[in-house]
Protein backbone atom coordinates (compact mmCIF):
# COMPACT_ATOMS: atom_id res chain seq x y z
CA LYS A 1 -217.23 37.03 3.77
CA PRO A 2 -215.86 36.30 7.25
CA LYS A 3 -218.27 34.39 9.51
CA GLY A 4 -218.95 36.41 12.66
CA LYS A 5 -216.51 39.09 11.44
CA PHE A 6 -213.62 36.72 12.16
CA ARG A 7 -210.55 37.15 9.97
CA MET A 8 -207.52 34.90 9.87
CA ASP A 9 -205.49 36.82 7.28
CA ASN A 10 -203.92 39.31 9.70
CA PRO A 11 -202.20 38.45 13.02
CA GLU A 12 -203.81 41.26 15.01
CA LEU A 13 -207.29 40.45 13.71
CA LEU A 14 -206.77 36.73 14.30
CA LEU A 15 -205.89 37.36 17.95
CA LYS A 16 -208.74 39.86 18.33
CA GLY A 17 -211.31 37.31 17.21
CA GLY A 18 -214.78 37.98 15.92
CA GLU A 19 -218.21 38.67 17.34
CA GLU A 20 -217.75 35.94 19.94
CA GLY A 21 -214.48 37.36 21.23
CA GLY A 22 -210.91 36.16 21.16
CA SER A 23 -209.81 33.29 19.04
CA VAL A 24 -206.31 32.36 20.25
CA THR A 25 -205.16 32.08 23.84
CA ALA A 26 -201.42 31.57 23.56
CA GLY A 27 -200.37 28.47 25.46
CA ASP A 28 -203.90 27.09 25.88
CA PRO A 29 -205.54 25.33 22.92
CA ALA A 30 -208.62 24.47 24.99
CA LYS A 31 -209.37 28.20 25.35
CA SER A 32 -208.60 28.97 21.69
CA THR A 33 -211.62 28.92 19.40
CA VAL A 34 -209.33 28.57 16.39
CA TYR A 35 -208.47 25.12 17.71
CA THR A 36 -211.69 24.08 19.42
CA SER A 37 -213.87 24.93 16.40
CA VAL A 38 -211.85 22.71 14.05
CA THR A 39 -212.09 19.77 16.46
CA LEU A 40 -215.88 19.89 16.91
CA PRO A 41 -217.99 17.15 15.31
CA ASP A 42 -219.46 17.88 11.87
CA SER A 43 -222.94 18.06 13.39
CA ASP A 44 -222.04 21.07 15.59
CA ASP A 45 -223.16 24.47 14.22
CA LYS A 46 -219.85 26.03 15.30
CA ALA A 47 -217.66 23.45 13.56
CA MET A 48 -215.14 24.97 11.16
CA PRO A 49 -214.91 25.13 8.32
CA PRO A 50 -218.68 25.16 7.87
CA LYS A 51 -218.38 23.92 4.27
CA GLY A 52 -215.82 21.87 2.43
CA ASP A 53 -213.21 19.52 3.77
CA ARG A 54 -212.51 19.45 7.49
CA LEU A 55 -208.95 19.61 8.77
CA THR A 56 -207.15 16.32 9.20
CA ALA A 57 -206.05 15.13 12.64
CA GLU A 58 -202.49 16.02 11.65
CA GLN A 59 -203.50 19.58 10.70
CA GLN A 60 -205.42 19.95 13.96
CA GLU A 61 -202.33 18.81 15.85
CA VAL A 62 -200.19 21.46 14.10
CA ILE A 63 -202.60 24.18 15.26
CA LYS A 64 -202.62 22.76 18.78
CA LYS A 65 -198.82 22.67 18.92
CA TRP A 66 -198.53 26.23 17.56
CA ILE A 67 -200.90 27.53 20.24
CA THR A 68 -199.25 25.47 23.00
CA GLU A 69 -195.85 26.87 22.02
CA GLY A 70 -197.07 30.48 22.27
CA ALA A 71 -198.85 31.20 18.96
CA SER A 72 -195.98 33.24 17.52
CA PHE A 73 -196.49 34.80 14.09
CA GLY A 74 -192.81 35.46 13.49
CA ALA A 75 -192.30 38.01 10.73
CA TRP A 76 -195.74 37.44 9.16
CA LYS A 77 -197.67 40.72 8.86
CA GLY A 78 -200.70 39.45 6.93
CA ALA A 79 -203.24 41.40 4.91
CA GLU A 80 -204.26 45.00 5.46
CA LYS A 81 -206.96 45.53 8.05
C-alpha cells in the first residue's frame, strides 16, 4: 500500500507525487522529496523507506545525479495507473 498515495512504479505518478504534492523537481534534488526523504535521519518520521534497509550513500548519489541531470525516464513506461 503506497504511503500517502505515492507511487513510484509509473513515471507520471512518480512526478505527480502523493498527498504532499510533487516528488521530483527535475534539475533540483533539494526540491525533490524522492531525494530529500531518503537522506533524512532515521529518527525523522518522513524518512524513507520507513521500514527495512535505508539506501546507501552511493544509491542516494545516483538519485541525486538523475534528478540533477533532468530526471529522464527514457523509454520506461512503468505499471498501469
